[in-house]
Amino acid sequence: MKLLISTAPTTEAPALARSLVDDRLVACVNIVPKMQSIYRWKGSVCDEAESMLFIKTTDHMASRVMDSLRERHSYEVPEIICLNIDDHASNPEYLSWVHDCVTENR
């Protein structure tokens, strides 16, 4: 299983999450709203309200999720961090649910 982490403008996050679930690329997206991000972009320090997205999918679909986020995201360079989940240290019923929810779209 993979856990992808991304940020998005608070107004954009629900639509991004919904599109990933609707397309069956992911089982679930948790949105943590109203966080503050301070970062450097093109020589300036920016201070923006954003939402954090925790995205759960299968190993096989992670690259398609990243492609979908890049395509739909309003940022020129969206944050997309992909983490491996240790299947042996995770709830097997939850992992099974994730796999059942994600259609591999062959």
Protein backbone atom coordinates (compact mmCIF):
# COMPACT_ATOMS: atom_id res chain seq x y z
CA MET A 1 0.00 0.00 0.00
CA LYS A 2 1.06 3.61 -0.57
CA LEU A 3 0.30 6.78 1.34
CA LEU A 4 0.62 9.92 -0.74
CA ILE A 5 0.76 13.31 0.91
CA SER A 6 -0.13 16.50 -0.93
CA THR A 7 -1.21 20.04 -0.20
CA ALA A 8 -3.75 22.16 -2.03
CA PRO A 9 -5.65 25.40 -1.62
CA THR A 10 -8.45 24.82 0.88
CA THR A 11 -11.08 25.53 -1.78
CA GLU A 12 -9.51 23.02 -4.21
CA ALA A 13 -8.80 20.08 -1.89
CA PRO A 14 -12.31 18.52 -1.81
CA ALA A 15 -12.58 18.44 -5.61
CA LEU A 16 -9.14 16.85 -5.94
CA ALA A 17 -10.02 14.23 -3.33
CA ARG A 18 -13.41 13.49 -4.87
CA SER A 19 -11.97 13.05 -8.36
CA LEU A 20 -9.40 10.52 -7.12
CA VAL A 21 -12.06 8.50 -5.29
CA ASP A 22 -14.62 8.79 -8.12
CA ASP A 23 -12.02 7.53 -10.61
CA ARG A 24 -11.26 4.60 -8.25
CA LEU A 25 -7.59 5.52 -8.19
CA VAL A 26 -7.67 5.65 -4.39
CA ALA A 27 -9.70 4.18 -1.56
CA CYS A 28 -9.75 7.26 0.63
CA VAL A 29 -8.47 10.81 0.98
CA ASN A 30 -8.38 12.52 4.36
CA ILE A 31 -8.37 16.30 4.17
CA VAL A 32 -6.87 18.28 7.03
CA PRO A 33 -8.16 21.81 6.46
CA LYS A 34 -6.81 25.23 7.34
CA MET A 35 -3.14 24.64 7.85
CA GLN A 36 -0.67 27.42 7.21
CA SER A 37 2.24 26.88 4.84
CA ILE A 38 5.24 29.17 4.70
CA TYR A 39 7.57 28.43 1.81
CA ARG A 40 9.94 29.96 -0.70
CA TRP A 41 8.72 30.17 -4.30
CA LYS A 42 10.47 31.95 -7.15
CA GLY A 43 12.59 34.09 -4.83
CA SER A 44 9.78 35.17 -2.49
CA VAL A 45 8.59 33.86 0.85
CA CYS A 46 4.92 32.92 0.65
CA ASP A 47 2.44 32.48 3.50
CA GLU A 48 -0.71 30.63 2.41
CA ALA A 49 -3.67 28.77 3.86
CA GLU A 50 -3.75 25.22 2.52
CA SER A 51 -5.22 21.80 3.22
CA MET A 52 -3.20 18.62 3.65
CA LEU A 53 -4.36 15.52 1.76
CA PHE A 54 -3.56 12.00 3.00
CA ILE A 55 -4.22 9.71 0.04
CA LYS A 56 -4.42 5.89 0.32
CA THR A 57 -3.94 3.65 -2.71
CA THR A 58 -2.28 0.47 -3.91
CA ASP A 59 1.35 0.13 -4.96
CA HIS A 60 0.27 -0.40 -8.54
CA MET A 61 -1.88 2.77 -8.75
CA ALA A 62 0.50 5.24 -7.06
CA SER A 63 2.02 6.53 -10.30
CA ARG A 64 -1.45 7.05 -11.83
CA VAL A 65 -2.51 8.98 -8.71
CA MET A 66 0.56 11.21 -9.04
CA ASP A 67 -0.19 11.79 -12.73
CA SER A 68 -3.80 12.68 -11.93
CA LEU A 69 -2.76 15.12 -9.20
CA ARG A 70 -0.24 16.83 -11.51
CA GLU A 71 -2.89 17.14 -14.23
CA ARG A 72 -5.68 18.51 -12.02
CA HIS A 73 -3.75 20.56 -9.48
CA SER A 74 -3.64 24.34 -9.81
CA TYR A 75 -0.03 24.58 -8.56
CA GLU A 76 2.77 24.66 -11.11
CA VAL A 77 4.73 22.25 -8.89
CA PRO A 78 2.36 20.45 -6.52
CA GLU A 79 3.71 18.74 -3.43
CA ILE A 80 3.34 14.99 -3.90
CA ILE A 81 5.21 12.73 -1.50
CA CYS A 82 4.76 8.97 -1.76
CA LEU A 83 5.41 6.75 1.26
CA ASN A 84 5.52 2.97 1.42
CA ILE A 85 3.27 1.39 4.04
CA ASP A 86 4.56 -1.71 5.80
CA ASP A 87 1.80 -4.21 5.08
CA HIS A 88 3.00 -6.44 7.93
CA ALA A 89 2.64 -3.60 10.47
CA SER A 90 -0.81 -2.46 9.27
CA ASN A 91 -4.36 -3.65 9.84
CA PRO A 92 -4.85 -6.41 7.25
CA GLU A 93 -8.60 -5.76 7.04
CA TYR A 94 -7.94 -2.11 6.22
CA LEU A 95 -5.39 -3.04 3.57
CA SER A 96 -7.89 -5.46 2.04
CA TRP A 97 -10.51 -2.70 1.97
CA VAL A 98 -8.09 -0.37 0.15
CA HIS A 99 -7.38 -3.03 -2.46
CA ASP A 100 -11.12 -3.76 -2.88
CA CYS A 101 -11.92 -0.05 -3.41
CA VAL A 102 -9.27 0.61 -6.02
CA THR A 103 -10.01 -0.60 -9.52
CA GLU A 104 -6.85 -1.17 -11.49
CA ASN A 105 -8.52 0.21 -14.66
CA ARG A 106 -6.96 -2.28 -17.04
